[in-house]
Amino acid sequence: MKPIEIFKALSNESRLQILQWLKEPDRHFMPHEGIDMNETGVCVSQITNKLNMTQSTASQYLTMLQRAGLIKTKRIGKFTYYQRDEEAISQIADYFKQEI
């Protein structure tokens, strides 16, 4: 875990919004072709549309969150799905409780 990467990832409102949306994907996104969003994640195109920005920018934001260990990805066919890494987020929260 690199705290500086976590702080960088969390220093942008859109990236924070992505994390909030991914916490309750059924509430914030329409289902994607029979995919259980709680188990598989949310398709990058759905995140891009909800952010109202280019896929390139959304992908950069998602990559930053992934590098920080806050989300994980799953590739199914031509689609990439994103979901929060709840275990990692819990470990990060514990780290900050102890270190800061």
PDB file of N, CA and C in Angstrom:
ATOM      1  N   MET A   1       0.843  -1.174   0.000  1.00  0.00           N
ATOM      2  CA  MET A   1       0.000   0.000   0.000  1.00  0.00           C
ATOM      3  C   MET A   1       0.889   1.238   0.000  1.00  0.00           C
ATOM      4  N   LYS A   2       0.586   2.136  -0.907  1.00  0.00           N
ATOM      5  CA  LYS A   2       1.314   3.398  -1.010  1.00  0.00           C
ATOM      6  C   LYS A   2       0.346   4.537  -0.686  1.00  0.00           C
ATOM      7  N   PRO A   3       0.441   5.071   0.537  1.00  0.00           N
ATOM      8  CA  PRO A   3      -0.507   6.123   0.924  1.00  0.00           C
ATOM      9  C   PRO A   3      -0.545   7.299  -0.044  1.00  0.00           C
ATOM     10  N   ILE A   4       0.580   7.686  -0.606  1.00  0.00           N
ATOM     11  CA  ILE A   4       0.584   8.834  -1.519  1.00  0.00           C
ATOM     12  C   ILE A   4      -0.285   8.565  -2.745  1.00  0.00           C
ATOM     13  N   GLU A   5      -0.270   7.317  -3.248  1.00  0.00           N
ATOM     14  CA  GLU A   5      -1.112   6.956  -4.400  1.00  0.00           C
ATOM     15  C   GLU A   5      -2.592   7.015  -4.021  1.00  0.00           C
ATOM     16  N   ILE A   6      -2.894   6.623  -2.812  1.00  0.00           N
ATOM     17  CA  ILE A   6      -4.277   6.672  -2.339  1.00  0.00           C
ATOM     18  C   ILE A   6      -4.744   8.125  -2.246  1.00  0.00           C
ATOM     19  N   PHE A   7      -3.902   8.979  -1.645  1.00  0.00           N
ATOM     20  CA  PHE A   7      -4.268  10.392  -1.549  1.00  0.00           C
ATOM     21  C   PHE A   7      -4.427  11.024  -2.922  1.00  0.00           C
ATOM     22  N   LYS A   8      -3.557  10.691  -3.845  1.00  0.00           N
ATOM     23  CA  LYS A   8      -3.679  11.226  -5.207  1.00  0.00           C
ATOM     24  C   LYS A   8      -5.005  10.796  -5.833  1.00  0.00           C
ATOM     25  N   ALA A   9      -5.326   9.514  -5.689  1.00  0.00           N
ATOM     26  CA  ALA A   9      -6.555   8.986  -6.291  1.00  0.00           C
ATOM     27  C   ALA A   9      -7.795   9.641  -5.692  1.00  0.00           C
ATOM     28  N   LEU A  10      -7.736   9.954  -4.413  1.00  0.00           N
ATOM     29  CA  LEU A  10      -8.900  10.520  -3.726  1.00  0.00           C
ATOM     30  C   LEU A  10      -8.977  12.040  -3.820  1.00  0.00           C
ATOM     31  N   SER A  11      -8.006  12.652  -4.488  1.00  0.00           N
ATOM     32  CA  SER A  11      -7.952  14.112  -4.537  1.00  0.00           C
ATOM     33  C   SER A  11      -8.761  14.723  -5.686  1.00  0.00           C
ATOM     34  N   ASN A  12      -9.634  13.938  -6.286  1.00  0.00           N
ATOM     35  CA  ASN A  12     -10.424  14.409  -7.420  1.00  0.00           C
ATOM     36  C   ASN A  12     -11.894  14.058  -7.176  1.00  0.00           C
ATOM     37  N   GLU A  13     -12.771  15.035  -7.348  1.00  0.00           N
ATOM     38  CA  GLU A  13     -14.197  14.812  -7.084  1.00  0.00           C
ATOM     39  C   GLU A  13     -14.801  13.698  -7.939  1.00  0.00           C
ATOM     40  N   SER A  14     -14.394  13.617  -9.192  1.00  0.00           N
ATOM     41  CA  SER A  14     -14.951  12.579 -10.073  1.00  0.00           C
ATOM     42  C   SER A  14     -14.522  11.190  -9.617  1.00  0.00           C
ATOM     43  N   ARG A  15     -13.283  11.048  -9.195  1.00  0.00           N
ATOM     44  CA  ARG A  15     -12.824   9.741  -8.712  1.00  0.00           C
ATOM     45  C   ARG A  15     -13.534   9.367  -7.412  1.00  0.00           C
ATOM     46  N   LEU A  16     -13.743  10.337  -6.541  1.00  0.00           N
ATOM     47  CA  LEU A  16     -14.519  10.074  -5.329  1.00  0.00           C
ATOM     48  C   LEU A  16     -15.946   9.664  -5.677  1.00  0.00           C
ATOM     49  N   GLN A  17     -16.516  10.329  -6.673  1.00  0.00           N
ATOM     50  CA  GLN A  17     -17.874  10.010  -7.100  1.00  0.00           C
ATOM     51  C   GLN A  17     -17.951   8.586  -7.633  1.00  0.00           C
ATOM     52  N   ILE A  18     -16.957   8.179  -8.406  1.00  0.00           N
ATOM     53  CA  ILE A  18     -16.922   6.807  -8.923  1.00  0.00           C
ATOM     54  C   ILE A  18     -16.958   5.814  -7.764  1.00  0.00           C
ATOM     55  N   LEU A  19     -16.133   6.036  -6.751  1.00  0.00           N
ATOM     56  CA  LEU A  19     -16.112   5.135  -5.593  1.00  0.00           C
ATOM     57  C   LEU A  19     -17.468   5.091  -4.893  1.00  0.00           C
ATOM     58  N   GLN A  20     -18.115   6.238  -4.783  1.00  0.00           N
ATOM     59  CA  GLN A  20     -19.435   6.270  -4.151  1.00  0.00           C
ATOM     60  C   GLN A  20     -20.455   5.496  -4.989  1.00  0.00           C
ATOM     61  N   TRP A  21     -20.442   5.705  -6.292  1.00  0.00           N
ATOM     62  CA  TRP A  21     -21.370   4.982  -7.162  1.00  0.00           C
ATOM     63  C   TRP A  21     -21.137   3.482  -7.100  1.00  0.00           C
ATOM     64  N   LEU A  22     -19.876   3.071  -7.097  1.00  0.00           N
ATOM     65  CA  LEU A  22     -19.560   1.639  -7.098  1.00  0.00           C
ATOM     66  C   LEU A  22     -19.903   0.961  -5.781  1.00  0.00           C
ATOM     67  N   LYS A  23     -20.107   1.746  -4.743  1.00  0.00           N
ATOM     68  CA  LYS A  23     -20.501   1.164  -3.461  1.00  0.00           C
ATOM     69  C   LYS A  23     -21.903   0.572  -3.561  1.00  0.00           C
ATOM     70  N   GLU A  24     -22.775   1.218  -4.339  1.00  0.00           N
ATOM     71  CA  GLU A  24     -24.151   0.752  -4.551  1.00  0.00           C
ATOM     72  C   GLU A  24     -24.458   0.773  -6.046  1.00  0.00           C
ATOM     73  N   PRO A  25     -23.875  -0.139  -6.818  1.00  0.00           N
ATOM     74  CA  PRO A  25     -24.032  -0.076  -8.275  1.00  0.00           C
ATOM     75  C   PRO A  25     -25.475  -0.217  -8.762  1.00  0.00           C
ATOM     76  N   ASP A  26     -26.271  -1.023  -8.078  1.00  0.00           N
ATOM     77  CA  ASP A  26     -27.666  -1.192  -8.500  1.00  0.00           C
ATOM     78  C   ASP A  26     -28.460   0.102  -8.381  1.00  0.00           C
ATOM     79  N   ARG A  27     -28.054   0.946  -7.483  1.00  0.00           N
ATOM     80  CA  ARG A  27     -28.744   2.216  -7.269  1.00  0.00           C
ATOM     81  C   ARG A  27     -28.350   3.271  -8.304  1.00  0.00           C
ATOM     82  N   HIS A  28     -27.143   3.164  -8.840  1.00  0.00           N
ATOM     83  CA  HIS A  28     -26.610   4.233  -9.683  1.00  0.00           C
ATOM     84  C   HIS A  28     -26.476   3.885 -11.165  1.00  0.00           C
ATOM     85  N   PHE A  29     -26.589   2.604 -11.510  1.00  0.00           N
ATOM     86  CA  PHE A  29     -26.389   2.197 -12.905  1.00  0.00           C
ATOM     87  C   PHE A  29     -27.481   1.232 -13.338  1.00  0.00           C
ATOM     88  N   MET A  30     -27.767   1.265 -14.628  1.00  0.00           N
ATOM     89  CA  MET A  30     -28.690   0.301 -15.215  1.00  0.00           C
ATOM     90  C   MET A  30     -27.950  -1.020 -15.410  1.00  0.00           C
ATOM     91  N   PRO A  31     -28.641  -2.158 -15.269  1.00  0.00           N
ATOM     92  CA  PRO A  31     -27.987  -3.464 -15.485  1.00  0.00           C
ATOM     93  C   PRO A  31     -27.393  -3.550 -16.891  1.00  0.00           C
ATOM     94  N   HIS A  32     -26.322  -4.297 -17.019  1.00  0.00           N
ATOM     95  CA  HIS A  32     -25.627  -4.450 -18.299  1.00  0.00           C
ATOM     96  C   HIS A  32     -25.722  -5.895 -18.762  1.00  0.00           C
ATOM     97  N   GLU A  33     -26.644  -6.157 -19.683  1.00  0.00           N
ATOM     98  CA  GLU A  33     -26.786  -7.458 -20.354  1.00  0.00           C
ATOM     99  C   GLU A  33     -26.662  -8.653 -19.417  1.00  0.00           C
ATOM    100  N   GLY A  34     -27.483  -8.689 -18.385  1.00  0.00           N
ATOM    101  CA  GLY A  34     -27.529  -9.844 -17.506  1.00  0.00           C
ATOM    102  C   GLY A  34     -26.368  -9.956 -16.534  1.00  0.00           C
ATOM    103  N   ILE A  35     -25.586  -8.914 -16.366  1.00  0.00           N
ATOM    104  CA  ILE A  35     -24.446  -8.932 -15.447  1.00  0.00           C
ATOM    105  C   ILE A  35     -24.919  -8.521 -14.053  1.00  0.00           C
ATOM    106  N   ASP A  36     -24.523  -9.285 -13.041  1.00  0.00           N
ATOM    107  CA  ASP A  36     -24.797  -8.906 -11.659  1.00  0.00           C
ATOM    108  C   ASP A  36     -23.727  -7.896 -11.250  1.00  0.00           C
ATOM    109  N   MET A  37     -24.098  -6.635 -11.189  1.00  0.00           N
ATOM    110  CA  MET A  37     -23.122  -5.574 -10.937  1.00  0.00           C
ATOM    111  C   MET A  37     -22.484  -5.681  -9.556  1.00  0.00           C
ATOM    112  N   ASN A  38     -23.189  -6.254  -8.588  1.00  0.00           N
ATOM    113  CA  ASN A  38     -22.607  -6.412  -7.259  1.00  0.00           C
ATOM    114  C   ASN A  38     -21.519  -7.476  -7.250  1.00  0.00           C
ATOM    115  N   GLU A  39     -21.637  -8.445  -8.126  1.00  0.00           N
ATOM    116  CA  GLU A  39     -20.653  -9.523  -8.193  1.00  0.00           C
ATOM    117  C   GLU A  39     -19.554  -9.240  -9.216  1.00  0.00           C
ATOM    118  N   THR A  40     -19.916  -8.686 -10.365  1.00  0.00           N
ATOM    119  CA  THR A  40     -18.983  -8.507 -11.473  1.00  0.00           C
ATOM    120  C   THR A  40     -18.422  -7.100 -11.557  1.00  0.00           C
ATOM    121  N   GLY A  41     -19.252  -6.109 -11.295  1.00  0.00           N
ATOM    122  CA  GLY A  41     -18.840  -4.717 -11.410  1.00  0.00           C
ATOM    123  C   GLY A  41     -19.662  -3.989 -12.447  1.00  0.00           C
ATOM    124  N   VAL A  42     -19.224  -2.781 -12.734  1.00  0.00           N
ATOM    125  CA  VAL A  42     -19.930  -1.888 -13.657  1.00  0.00           C
ATOM    126  C   VAL A  42     -19.055  -1.674 -14.888  1.00  0.00           C
ATOM    127  N   CYS A  43     -19.663  -1.716 -16.055  1.00  0.00           N
ATOM    128  CA  CYS A  43     -18.954  -1.551 -17.317  1.00  0.00           C
ATOM    129  C   CYS A  43     -18.405  -0.127 -17.440  1.00  0.00           C
ATOM    130  N   VAL A  44     -17.215  -0.029 -17.999  1.00  0.00           N
ATOM    131  CA  VAL A  44     -16.564   1.277 -18.165  1.00  0.00           C
ATOM    132  C   VAL A  44     -17.443   2.240 -18.957  1.00  0.00           C
ATOM    133  N   SER A  45     -18.192   1.741 -19.919  1.00  0.00           N
ATOM    134  CA  SER A  45     -19.039   2.638 -20.719  1.00  0.00           C
ATOM    135  C   SER A  45     -20.141   3.260 -19.868  1.00  0.00           C
ATOM    136  N   GLN A  46     -20.658   2.518 -18.892  1.00  0.00           N
ATOM    137  CA  GLN A  46     -21.682   3.068 -18.012  1.00  0.00           C
ATOM    138  C   GLN A  46     -21.098   4.164 -17.120  1.00  0.00           C
ATOM    139  N   ILE A  47     -19.895   3.947 -16.638  1.00  0.00           N
ATOM    140  CA  ILE A  47     -19.220   4.942 -15.799  1.00  0.00           C
ATOM    141  C   ILE A  47     -18.926   6.184 -16.627  1.00  0.00           C
ATOM    142  N   THR A  48     -18.438   5.978 -17.849  1.00  0.00           N
ATOM    143  CA  THR A  48     -18.129   7.095 -18.747  1.00  0.00           C
ATOM    144  C   THR A  48     -19.378   7.939 -19.003  1.00  0.00           C
ATOM    145  N   ASN A  49     -20.482   7.284 -19.298  1.00  0.00           N
ATOM    146  CA  ASN A  49     -21.730   8.008 -19.569  1.00  0.00           C
ATOM    147  C   ASN A  49     -22.205   8.784 -18.351  1.00  0.00           C
ATOM    148  N   LYS A  50     -22.115   8.172 -17.193  1.00  0.00           N
ATOM    149  CA  LYS A  50     -22.590   8.835 -15.972  1.00  0.00           C
ATOM    150  C   LYS A  50     -21.699  10.024 -15.618  1.00  0.00           C
ATOM    151  N   LEU A  51     -20.394   9.926 -15.888  1.00  0.00           N
ATOM    152  CA  LEU A  51     -19.481  11.032 -15.627  1.00  0.00           C
ATOM    153  C   LEU A  51     -19.631  12.147 -16.660  1.00  0.00           C
ATOM    154  N   ASN A  52     -20.212  11.799 -17.815  1.00  0.00           N
ATOM    155  CA  ASN A  52     -20.353  12.738 -18.927  1.00  0.00           C
ATOM    156  C   ASN A  52     -18.987  13.284 -19.368  1.00  0.00           C
ATOM    157  N   MET A  53     -18.074  12.362 -19.604  1.00  0.00           N
ATOM    158  CA  MET A  53     -16.739  12.729 -20.086  1.00  0.00           C
ATOM    159  C   MET A  53     -16.264  11.677 -21.071  1.00  0.00           C
ATOM    160  N   THR A  54     -15.125  11.908 -21.683  1.00  0.00           N
ATOM    161  CA  THR A  54     -14.617  10.967 -22.668  1.00  0.00           C
ATOM    162  C   THR A  54     -14.206   9.667 -21.991  1.00  0.00           C
ATOM    163  N   GLN A  55     -14.229   8.586 -22.777  1.00  0.00           N
ATOM    164  CA  GLN A  55     -13.816   7.295 -22.236  1.00  0.00           C
ATOM    165  C   GLN A  55     -12.347   7.327 -21.838  1.00  0.00           C
ATOM    166  N   SER A  56     -11.548   8.075 -22.564  1.00  0.00           N
ATOM    167  CA  SER A  56     -10.129   8.194 -22.242  1.00  0.00           C
ATOM    168  C   SER A  56      -9.928   8.776 -20.841  1.00  0.00           C
ATOM    169  N   THR A  57     -10.636   9.848 -20.538  1.00  0.00           N
ATOM    170  CA  THR A  57     -10.513  10.475 -19.218  1.00  0.00           C
ATOM    171  C   THR A  57     -11.044   9.554 -18.128  1.00  0.00           C
ATOM    172  N   ALA A  58     -12.199   8.956 -18.361  1.00  0.00           N
ATOM    173  CA  ALA A  58     -12.770   8.031 -17.380  1.00  0.00           C
ATOM    174  C   ALA A  58     -11.817   6.855 -17.138  1.00  0.00           C
ATOM    175  N   SER A  59     -11.227   6.335 -18.203  1.00  0.00           N
ATOM    176  CA  SER A  59     -10.280   5.223 -18.063  1.00  0.00           C
ATOM    177  C   SER A  59      -9.051   5.634 -17.255  1.00  0.00           C
ATOM    178  N   GLN A  60      -8.582   6.853 -17.453  1.00  0.00           N
ATOM    179  CA  GLN A  60      -7.449   7.344 -16.659  1.00  0.00           C
ATOM    180  C   GLN A  60      -7.827   7.414 -15.183  1.00  0.00           C
ATOM    181  N   TYR A  61      -9.016   7.892 -14.888  1.00  0.00           N
ATOM    182  CA  TYR A  61      -9.479   7.965 -13.504  1.00  0.00           C
ATOM    183  C   TYR A  61      -9.584   6.566 -12.890  1.00  0.00           C
ATOM    184  N   LEU A  62     -10.138   5.644 -13.646  1.00  0.00           N
ATOM    185  CA  LEU A  62     -10.293   4.278 -13.154  1.00  0.00           C
ATOM    186  C   LEU A  62      -8.931   3.608 -12.939  1.00  0.00           C
ATOM    187  N   THR A  63      -7.998   3.868 -13.844  1.00  0.00           N
ATOM    188  CA  THR A  63      -6.646   3.313 -13.691  1.00  0.00           C
ATOM    189  C   THR A  63      -5.991   3.844 -12.425  1.00  0.00           C
ATOM    190  N   MET A  64      -6.169   5.113 -12.156  1.00  0.00           N
ATOM    191  CA  MET A  64      -5.591   5.703 -10.946  1.00  0.00           C
ATOM    192  C   MET A  64      -6.193   5.071  -9.689  1.00  0.00           C
ATOM    193  N   LEU A  65      -7.503   4.851  -9.687  1.00  0.00           N
ATOM    194  CA  LEU A  65      -8.150   4.191  -8.556  1.00  0.00           C
ATOM    195  C   LEU A  65      -7.677   2.749  -8.398  1.00  0.00           C
ATOM    196  N   GLN A  66      -7.445   2.089  -9.530  1.00  0.00           N
ATOM    197  CA  GLN A  66      -6.970   0.711  -9.487  1.00  0.00           C
ATOM    198  C   GLN A  66      -5.535   0.651  -8.949  1.00  0.00           C
ATOM    199  N   ARG A  67      -4.675   1.532  -9.405  1.00  0.00           N
ATOM    200  CA  ARG A  67      -3.288   1.566  -8.913  1.00  0.00           C
ATOM    201  C   ARG A  67      -3.216   1.835  -7.420  1.00  0.00           C
ATOM    202  N   ALA A  68      -4.170   2.627  -6.928  1.00  0.00           N
ATOM    203  CA  ALA A  68      -4.213   2.928  -5.498  1.00  0.00           C
ATOM    204  C   ALA A  68      -4.788   1.762  -4.694  1.00  0.00           C
ATOM    205  N   GLY A  69      -5.305   0.754  -5.386  1.00  0.00           N
ATOM    206  CA  GLY A  69      -5.845  -0.417  -4.712  1.00  0.00           C
ATOM    207  C   GLY A  69      -7.275  -0.257  -4.247  1.00  0.00           C
ATOM    208  N   LEU A  70      -7.978   0.717  -4.774  1.00  0.00           N
ATOM    209  CA  LEU A  70      -9.341   0.997  -4.330  1.00  0.00           C
ATOM    210  C   LEU A  70     -10.406   0.264  -5.141  1.00  0.00           C
ATOM    211  N   ILE A  71     -10.074  -0.099  -6.375  1.00  0.00           N
ATOM    212  CA  ILE A  71     -11.005  -0.842  -7.215  1.00  0.00           C
ATOM    213  C   ILE A  71     -10.274  -1.996  -7.887  1.00  0.00           C
ATOM    214  N   LYS A  72     -11.059  -2.942  -8.368  1.00  0.00           N
ATOM    215  CA  LYS A  72     -10.499  -4.065  -9.127  1.00  0.00           C
ATOM    216  C   LYS A  72     -11.287  -4.202 -10.420  1.00  0.00           C
ATOM    217  N   THR A  73     -10.676  -4.878 -11.377  1.00  0.00           N
ATOM    218  CA  THR A  73     -11.298  -5.008 -12.693  1.00  0.00           C
ATOM    219  C   THR A  73     -11.537  -6.466 -13.043  1.00  0.00           C
ATOM    220  N   LYS A  74     -12.487  -6.649 -13.946  1.00  0.00           N
ATOM    221  CA  LYS A  74     -12.775  -7.975 -14.492  1.00  0.00           C
ATOM    222  C   LYS A  74     -13.094  -7.780 -15.962  1.00  0.00           C
ATOM    223  N   ARG A  75     -12.433  -8.544 -16.806  1.00  0.00           N
ATOM    224  CA  ARG A  75     -12.655  -8.454 -18.253  1.00  0.00           C
ATOM    225  C   ARG A  75     -13.557  -9.609 -18.672  1.00  0.00           C
ATOM    226  N   ILE A  76     -14.652  -9.281 -19.345  1.00  0.00           N
ATOM    227  CA  ILE A  76     -15.557 -10.290 -19.891  1.00  0.00           C
ATOM    228  C   ILE A  76     -15.814  -9.903 -21.333  1.00  0.00           C
ATOM    229  N   GLY A  77     -15.306 -10.723 -22.254  1.00  0.00           N
ATOM    230  CA  GLY A  77     -15.429 -10.412 -23.671  1.00  0.00           C
ATOM    231  C   GLY A  77     -14.742  -9.099 -23.978  1.00  0.00           C
ATOM    232  N   LYS A  78     -15.458  -8.197 -24.627  1.00  0.00           N
ATOM    233  CA  LYS A  78     -14.864  -6.912 -24.993  1.00  0.00           C
ATOM    234  C   LYS A  78     -15.089  -5.837 -23.932  1.00  0.00           C
ATOM    235  N   PHE A  79     -15.726  -6.196 -22.815  1.00  0.00           N
ATOM    236  CA  PHE A  79     -16.048  -5.233 -21.776  1.00  0.00           C
ATOM    237  C   PHE A  79     -15.157  -5.391 -20.551  1.00  0.00           C
ATOM    238  N   THR A  80     -14.828  -4.264 -19.927  1.00  0.00           N
ATOM    239  CA  THR A  80     -14.113  -4.263 -18.657  1.00  0.00           C
ATOM    240  C   THR A  80     -15.061  -3.735 -17.594  1.00  0.00           C
ATOM    241  N   TYR A  81     -15.139  -4.454 -16.494  1.00  0.00           N
ATOM    242  CA  TYR A  81     -16.028  -4.105 -15.394  1.00  0.00           C
ATOM    243  C   TYR A  81     -15.202  -3.705 -14.176  1.00  0.00           C
ATOM    244  N   TYR A  82     -15.710  -2.735 -13.457  1.00  0.00           N
ATOM    245  CA  TYR A  82     -15.016  -2.193 -12.290  1.00  0.00           C
ATOM    246  C   TYR A  82     -15.881  -2.328 -11.053  1.00  0.00           C
ATOM    247  N   GLN A  83     -15.228  -2.684  -9.938  1.00  0.00           N
ATOM    248  CA  GLN A  83     -15.931  -2.713  -8.665  1.00  0.00           C
ATOM    249  C   GLN A  83     -14.967  -2.325  -7.552  1.00  0.00           C
ATOM    250  N   ARG A  84     -15.530  -1.841  -6.476  1.00  0.00           N
ATOM    251  CA  ARG A  84     -14.709  -1.470  -5.326  1.00  0.00           C
ATOM    252  C   ARG A  84     -14.034  -2.708  -4.763  1.00  0.00           C
ATOM    253  N   ASP A  85     -12.830  -2.534  -4.265  1.00  0.00           N
ATOM    254  CA  ASP A  85     -12.139  -3.610  -3.552  1.00  0.00           C
ATOM    255  C   ASP A  85     -12.369  -3.354  -2.071  1.00  0.00           C
ATOM    256  N   GLU A  86     -13.452  -3.894  -1.554  1.00  0.00           N
ATOM    257  CA  GLU A  86     -13.874  -3.607  -0.182  1.00  0.00           C
ATOM    258  C   GLU A  86     -12.844  -4.066   0.842  1.00  0.00           C
ATOM    259  N   GLU A  87     -12.198  -5.187   0.596  1.00  0.00           N
ATOM    260  CA  GLU A  87     -11.168  -5.674   1.522  1.00  0.00           C
ATOM    261  C   GLU A  87     -10.000  -4.691   1.588  1.00  0.00           C
ATOM    262  N   ALA A  88      -9.551  -4.234   0.437  1.00  0.00           N
ATOM    263  CA  ALA A  88      -8.444  -3.273   0.387  1.00  0.00           C
ATOM    264  C   ALA A  88      -8.852  -1.953   1.034  1.00  0.00           C
ATOM    265  N   ILE A  89     -10.070  -1.498   0.780  1.00  0.00           N
ATOM    266  CA  ILE A  89     -10.543  -0.249   1.376  1.00  0.00           C
ATOM    267  C   ILE A  89     -10.575  -0.373   2.896  1.00  0.00           C
ATOM    268  N   SER A  90     -10.999  -1.514   3.396  1.00  0.00           N
ATOM    269  CA  SER A  90     -11.016  -1.748   4.838  1.00  0.00           C
ATOM    270  C   SER A  90      -9.591  -1.727   5.413  1.00  0.00           C
ATOM    271  N   GLN A  91      -8.645  -2.346   4.706  1.00  0.00           N
ATOM    272  CA  GLN A  91      -7.247  -2.346   5.151  1.00  0.00           C
ATOM    273  C   GLN A  91      -6.673  -0.930   5.138  1.00  0.00           C
ATOM    274  N   ILE A  92      -7.025  -0.161   4.129  1.00  0.00           N
ATOM    275  CA  ILE A  92      -6.556   1.222   4.036  1.00  0.00           C
ATOM    276  C   ILE A  92      -7.121   2.035   5.206  1.00  0.00           C
ATOM    277  N   ALA A  93      -8.401   1.842   5.499  1.00  0.00           N
ATOM    278  CA  ALA A  93      -9.026   2.552   6.620  1.00  0.00           C
ATOM    279  C   ALA A  93      -8.323   2.187   7.926  1.00  0.00           C
ATOM    280  N   ASP A  94      -8.020   0.917   8.125  1.00  0.00           N
ATOM    281  CA  ASP A  94      -7.309   0.482   9.328  1.00  0.00           C
ATOM    282  C   ASP A  94      -5.921   1.104   9.396  1.00  0.00           C
ATOM    283  N   TYR A  95      -5.243   1.164   8.266  1.00  0.00           N
ATOM    284  CA  TYR A  95      -3.908   1.765   8.207  1.00  0.00           C
ATOM    285  C   TYR A  95      -3.961   3.221   8.661  1.00  0.00           C
ATOM    286  N   PHE A  96      -4.929   3.966   8.136  1.00  0.00           N
ATOM    287  CA  PHE A  96      -5.025   5.376   8.482  1.00  0.00           C
ATOM    288  C   PHE A  96      -5.418   5.574   9.952  1.00  0.00           C
ATOM    289  N   LYS A  97      -6.222   4.667  10.495  1.00  0.00           N
ATOM    290  CA  LYS A  97      -6.575   4.760  11.908  1.00  0.00           C
ATOM    291  C   LYS A  97      -5.331   4.594  12.798  1.00  0.00           C
ATOM    292  N   GLN A  98      -4.410   3.742  12.357  1.00  0.00           N
ATOM    293  CA  GLN A  98      -3.222   3.457  13.148  1.00  0.00           C
ATOM    294  C   GLN A  98      -2.091   4.451  12.905  1.00  0.00           C
ATOM    295  N   GLU A  99      -1.947   4.909  11.680  1.00  0.00           N
ATOM    296  CA  GLU A  99      -0.794   5.705  11.310  1.00  0.00           C
ATOM    297  C   GLU A  99      -1.000   7.210  11.381  1.00  0.00           C
ATOM    298  N   ILE A 100      -2.222   7.645  11.249  1.00  0.00           N
ATOM    299  CA  ILE A 100      -2.444   9.101  11.182  1.00  0.00           C
ATOM    300  C   ILE A 100      -3.199   9.562  12.407  1.00  0.00           C
TER     301      ILE A 100
END
